[in-house]
Amino acid sequence: MTAETARLASLVASARYVLWDLDGPICRLFAGYPAHQIAGELVKKIDQLGMGGLLTEQERSSDDPHDALRGVHDRRPGSDLVLELEEWLTRRELQAVPKARPTPYADPLIRTWSSRGVRFAITTNNAALAAAAYVESRRLTDCFPYVYGRTPNLDLMKPNPYCLEEAIKAMGAVPAATLMIGDAPTDLKAAQQARVAFLGYARNEDKERILREAGAEVVVGSMEQVLDVLRRRQGTAFM
């Protein structure tokens, strides 16, 4: 057993509550409706509203629609414009759900881990409506009684620990027994601020490098690694 595998086993063993990011660890939400396409449509909408001047060039060209949304929020916090754009993005995320692609091994891992009595919540920067719709589409609703996502107050998005802390309170969880699974430095920072352990998921080398440079100590490239730990720990094979 390598040192990192031992650390992974320790994280799994100590977790009684798990906070899951949605896009990455559970699924690729934008597999069929690419995020860069949504980002471009959002920038076009902002231009059509006569507010394109609020965006920097980086925000205009980003593949992540959250960048343009945050940009408008930074310059017009609490405005009706931000509310309109956030609602628009929520609708696009809901449209992406039917074509979302499950992360390999995530579904069996979720069902197996949940069956061991570990309690789950989703803590995502995507809309809670989209997260709830996705888990319902996979018949995983019973595994995720708590879903926390983006609110119109974009200051509360990760790396702010707000959604993590709300989930912890709702579950009656103890931070020392709670694990966050995420695929971005914002997830790691939120976990650190909420004082919970962190497990990084990276589907490619670039994402792994970014997570490790941000300070993630344990990063898996496949959810199968976590499922294997559960199998060994319970002494039973997944069927």
Protein backbone atom coordinates (compact mmCIF):
# COMPACT_ATOMS: atom_id res chain seq x y z
CA MET A 1 0.00 0.00 0.00
CA THR A 2 1.41 3.37 -1.00
CA ALA A 3 1.44 6.32 1.38
CA GLU A 4 -1.30 8.05 -0.59
CA THR A 5 -3.45 4.92 -0.65
CA ALA A 6 -3.05 4.73 3.12
CA ARG A 7 -4.14 8.36 3.45
CA LEU A 8 -7.14 7.66 1.21
CA ALA A 9 -8.08 4.67 3.37
CA SER A 10 -7.84 6.88 6.45
CA LEU A 11 -10.11 9.52 4.92
CA VAL A 12 -12.72 6.92 4.03
CA ALA A 13 -12.52 5.25 7.43
CA SER A 14 -13.05 8.49 9.35
CA ALA A 15 -15.86 9.85 7.17
CA ARG A 16 -19.34 9.63 8.64
CA TYR A 17 -20.62 12.47 6.48
CA VAL A 18 -19.59 13.24 2.89
CA LEU A 19 -20.14 16.50 1.03
CA TRP A 20 -20.06 15.98 -2.73
CA ASP A 21 -19.43 18.53 -5.43
CA LEU A 22 -21.72 17.73 -8.37
CA ASP A 23 -19.91 18.54 -11.60
CA GLY A 24 -16.81 16.33 -11.57
CA PRO A 25 -17.06 13.82 -8.74
CA ILE A 26 -20.68 12.78 -9.50
CA CYS A 27 -21.08 13.61 -13.18
CA ARG A 28 -19.99 15.70 -16.12
CA LEU A 29 -22.99 17.98 -16.09
CA PHE A 30 -22.12 19.65 -19.38
CA ALA A 31 -21.15 16.54 -21.36
CA GLY A 32 -23.97 17.07 -23.87
CA TYR A 33 -24.47 20.83 -23.52
CA PRO A 34 -20.90 22.13 -23.23
CA ALA A 35 -20.09 24.73 -20.59
CA HIS A 36 -18.17 26.82 -23.13
CA GLN A 37 -21.32 27.03 -25.28
CA ILE A 38 -23.38 28.17 -22.29
CA ALA A 39 -20.67 30.68 -21.38
CA GLY A 40 -20.77 32.12 -24.87
CA GLU A 41 -24.55 32.37 -24.81
CA LEU A 42 -24.40 34.13 -21.42
CA VAL A 43 -21.90 36.71 -22.69
CA LYS A 44 -24.13 37.29 -25.74
CA LYS A 45 -27.13 37.81 -23.46
CA ILE A 46 -25.18 40.32 -21.35
CA ASP A 47 -24.21 42.16 -24.55
CA GLN A 48 -27.82 42.21 -25.72
CA LEU A 49 -28.84 43.78 -22.41
CA GLY A 50 -26.32 46.55 -23.08
CA MET A 51 -24.11 45.50 -20.18
CA GLY A 52 -21.17 43.97 -22.05
CA GLY A 53 -18.90 46.70 -20.77
CA LEU A 54 -19.11 45.20 -17.30
CA LEU A 55 -17.04 42.19 -18.38
CA THR A 56 -13.27 41.89 -18.62
CA GLU A 57 -11.73 40.19 -21.64
CA GLN A 58 -10.89 37.17 -19.51
CA GLU A 59 -14.52 36.89 -18.38
CA ARG A 60 -15.76 37.26 -21.95
CA SER A 61 -13.51 34.49 -23.25
CA SER A 62 -13.79 32.04 -20.35
CA ASP A 63 -15.22 28.56 -20.91
CA ASP A 64 -16.87 28.73 -17.48
CA PRO A 65 -20.19 30.61 -17.41
CA HIS A 66 -19.65 31.33 -13.72
CA ASP A 67 -16.84 33.73 -14.65
CA ALA A 68 -19.14 36.08 -16.55
CA LEU A 69 -21.83 35.73 -13.92
CA ARG A 70 -19.40 36.59 -11.13
CA GLY A 71 -18.04 39.48 -13.18
CA VAL A 72 -21.47 41.10 -13.42
CA HIS A 73 -22.08 40.42 -9.74
CA ASP A 74 -18.78 42.03 -8.75
CA ARG A 75 -19.77 45.27 -10.51
CA ARG A 76 -23.54 45.19 -9.90
CA PRO A 77 -23.98 43.22 -6.64
CA GLY A 78 -27.56 42.51 -5.65
CA SER A 79 -28.96 43.94 -8.88
CA ASP A 80 -31.97 42.69 -10.82
CA LEU A 81 -29.52 42.01 -13.67
CA VAL A 82 -27.58 39.49 -11.55
CA LEU A 83 -30.84 37.82 -10.50
CA GLU A 84 -31.97 37.56 -14.13
CA LEU A 85 -28.66 36.10 -15.27
CA GLU A 86 -28.50 33.61 -12.39
CA GLU A 87 -32.01 32.39 -13.23
CA TRP A 88 -31.03 32.14 -16.91
CA LEU A 89 -28.00 30.00 -16.01
CA THR A 90 -30.14 27.77 -13.79
CA ARG A 91 -32.43 27.05 -16.73
CA ARG A 92 -29.44 26.15 -18.91
CA GLU A 93 -28.08 23.80 -16.24
CA LEU A 94 -31.46 22.09 -16.05
CA GLN A 95 -31.36 21.68 -19.84
CA ALA A 96 -27.94 20.04 -19.50
CA VAL A 97 -29.14 17.39 -17.03
CA PRO A 98 -30.64 14.89 -19.53
CA LYS A 99 -27.34 14.70 -21.41
CA ALA A 100 -25.09 14.72 -18.35
CA ARG A 101 -22.63 11.83 -18.11
CA PRO A 102 -22.15 9.93 -14.84
CA THR A 103 -18.59 9.94 -13.56
CA PRO A 104 -17.28 6.36 -13.92
CA TYR A 105 -17.89 4.32 -10.75
CA ALA A 106 -19.65 7.23 -9.03
CA ASP A 107 -23.10 5.60 -8.97
CA PRO A 108 -21.97 2.29 -7.42
CA LEU A 109 -19.69 4.15 -5.02
CA ILE A 110 -22.56 6.38 -3.87
CA ARG A 111 -24.93 3.45 -3.38
CA THR A 112 -22.34 1.27 -1.64
CA TRP A 113 -21.08 3.99 0.69
CA SER A 114 -24.59 5.16 1.52
CA SER A 115 -25.61 1.59 2.36
CA ARG A 116 -22.86 1.58 5.03
CA GLY A 117 -24.73 4.31 6.90
CA VAL A 118 -22.58 7.25 5.76
CA ARG A 119 -24.73 10.35 5.17
CA PHE A 120 -24.40 12.49 2.05
CA ALA A 121 -25.10 16.01 0.89
CA ILE A 122 -24.39 17.83 -2.36
CA THR A 123 -22.57 21.14 -2.04
CA THR A 124 -22.19 22.67 -5.49
CA ASN A 125 -21.78 25.98 -7.28
CA ASN A 126 -24.37 24.76 -9.78
CA ALA A 127 -28.05 25.34 -9.11
CA ALA A 128 -29.55 23.09 -6.45
CA LEU A 129 -32.47 22.46 -8.84
CA ALA A 130 -30.08 21.04 -11.43
CA ALA A 131 -28.29 18.89 -8.85
CA ALA A 132 -31.58 17.51 -7.53
CA ALA A 133 -32.78 16.82 -11.07
CA TYR A 134 -29.58 14.94 -11.89
CA VAL A 135 -29.63 12.65 -8.84
CA GLU A 136 -33.33 11.96 -9.47
CA SER A 137 -32.48 10.94 -13.04
CA ARG A 138 -30.00 8.40 -11.63
CA ARG A 139 -32.43 7.20 -8.92
CA LEU A 140 -30.05 8.45 -6.24
CA THR A 141 -32.43 10.85 -4.50
CA ASP A 142 -32.59 8.68 -1.37
CA CYS A 143 -28.81 8.96 -1.05
CA PHE A 144 -28.87 12.77 -1.16
CA PRO A 145 -31.54 14.17 1.19
CA TYR A 146 -29.59 17.41 1.39
CA VAL A 147 -28.72 19.47 -1.71
CA TYR A 148 -27.13 22.91 -1.47
CA GLY A 149 -26.26 24.94 -4.53
CA ARG A 150 -25.77 28.42 -5.91
CA THR A 151 -27.94 31.20 -4.53
CA PRO A 152 -28.61 34.64 -6.07
CA ASN A 153 -25.99 35.95 -3.61
CA LEU A 154 -22.94 34.89 -5.60
CA ASP A 155 -20.63 35.89 -2.75
CA LEU A 156 -21.76 32.64 -1.10
CA MET A 157 -20.41 30.41 -3.88
CA LYS A 158 -17.36 28.29 -3.10
CA PRO A 159 -14.64 29.04 -2.04
CA ASN A 160 -17.01 30.57 0.50
CA PRO A 161 -17.85 27.65 2.85
CA TYR A 162 -21.52 28.69 3.14
CA CYS A 163 -23.08 25.69 1.36
CA LEU A 164 -20.79 23.27 3.22
CA GLU A 165 -21.66 24.79 6.58
CA GLU A 166 -25.38 24.72 5.76
CA ALA A 167 -25.13 21.02 4.85
CA ILE A 168 -23.17 20.25 8.02
CA LYS A 169 -25.82 21.95 10.14
CA ALA A 170 -28.68 20.21 8.33
CA MET A 171 -27.10 16.77 8.76
CA GLY A 172 -26.13 17.39 12.38
CA ALA A 173 -22.64 16.51 11.27
CA VAL A 174 -19.37 16.91 13.13
CA PRO A 175 -16.74 18.64 10.93
CA ALA A 176 -14.03 16.26 12.20
CA ALA A 177 -16.05 13.33 10.81
CA THR A 178 -16.92 15.06 7.52
CA LEU A 179 -15.24 14.70 4.12
CA MET A 180 -15.58 16.96 1.10
CA ILE A 181 -15.06 15.48 -2.38
CA GLY A 182 -14.33 18.08 -5.05
CA ASP A 183 -12.41 18.68 -8.25
CA ALA A 184 -11.39 22.34 -7.97
CA PRO A 185 -9.27 24.56 -5.73
CA THR A 186 -12.46 26.38 -4.74
CA ASP A 187 -13.72 23.10 -3.24
CA LEU A 188 -10.48 22.65 -1.32
CA LYS A 189 -10.56 26.21 0.04
CA ALA A 190 -14.18 25.85 1.12
CA ALA A 191 -13.37 22.58 2.87
CA GLN A 192 -10.44 24.15 4.69
CA GLN A 193 -12.61 27.05 5.88
CA ALA A 194 -15.33 24.64 7.01
CA ARG A 195 -12.66 22.57 8.81
CA VAL A 196 -13.49 19.33 7.01
CA ALA A 197 -11.19 16.83 5.32
CA PHE A 198 -10.78 16.97 1.55
CA LEU A 199 -10.48 14.37 -1.18
CA GLY A 200 -9.64 15.60 -4.65
CA TYR A 201 -10.99 14.04 -7.82
CA ALA A 202 -9.15 14.74 -11.08
CA ARG A 203 -10.17 13.17 -14.36
CA ASN A 204 -6.96 14.24 -16.09
CA GLU A 205 -3.39 15.25 -15.31
CA ASP A 206 -4.04 18.98 -15.67
CA LYS A 207 -6.81 18.91 -13.07
CA GLU A 208 -4.62 16.83 -10.76
CA ARG A 209 -1.74 19.29 -11.09
CA ILE A 210 -4.02 22.23 -10.32
CA LEU A 211 -5.43 20.50 -7.23
CA ARG A 212 -2.02 19.49 -5.91
CA GLU A 213 -0.60 22.97 -6.50
CA ALA A 214 -3.53 24.31 -4.48
CA GLY A 215 -2.51 22.03 -1.60
CA ALA A 216 -4.63 18.89 -2.01
CA GLU A 217 -2.82 16.00 -0.31
CA VAL A 218 -4.99 13.14 -1.60
CA VAL A 219 -6.23 13.09 -5.19
CA VAL A 220 -7.82 10.16 -7.04
CA GLY A 221 -8.08 9.81 -10.79
CA SER A 222 -11.02 7.42 -10.60
CA MET A 223 -13.83 6.82 -8.15
CA GLU A 224 -12.96 3.15 -8.50
CA GLN A 225 -10.05 3.82 -6.13
CA VAL A 226 -12.47 4.91 -3.42
CA LEU A 227 -14.79 1.98 -4.14
CA ASP A 228 -11.83 -0.41 -3.82
CA VAL A 229 -11.04 1.05 -0.39
CA LEU A 230 -14.62 0.41 0.69
CA ARG A 231 -14.45 -3.16 -0.61
CA ARG A 232 -11.25 -3.91 1.28
CA ARG A 233 -12.48 -2.21 4.43
CA GLN A 234 -15.72 -4.17 4.52
CA GLY A 235 -14.18 -7.38 3.28
CA THR A 236 -16.98 -7.75 0.75
CA ALA A 237 -17.04 -7.29 -2.99
CA PHE A 238 -19.42 -4.94 -4.71
CA MET A 239 -22.10 -6.87 -6.52
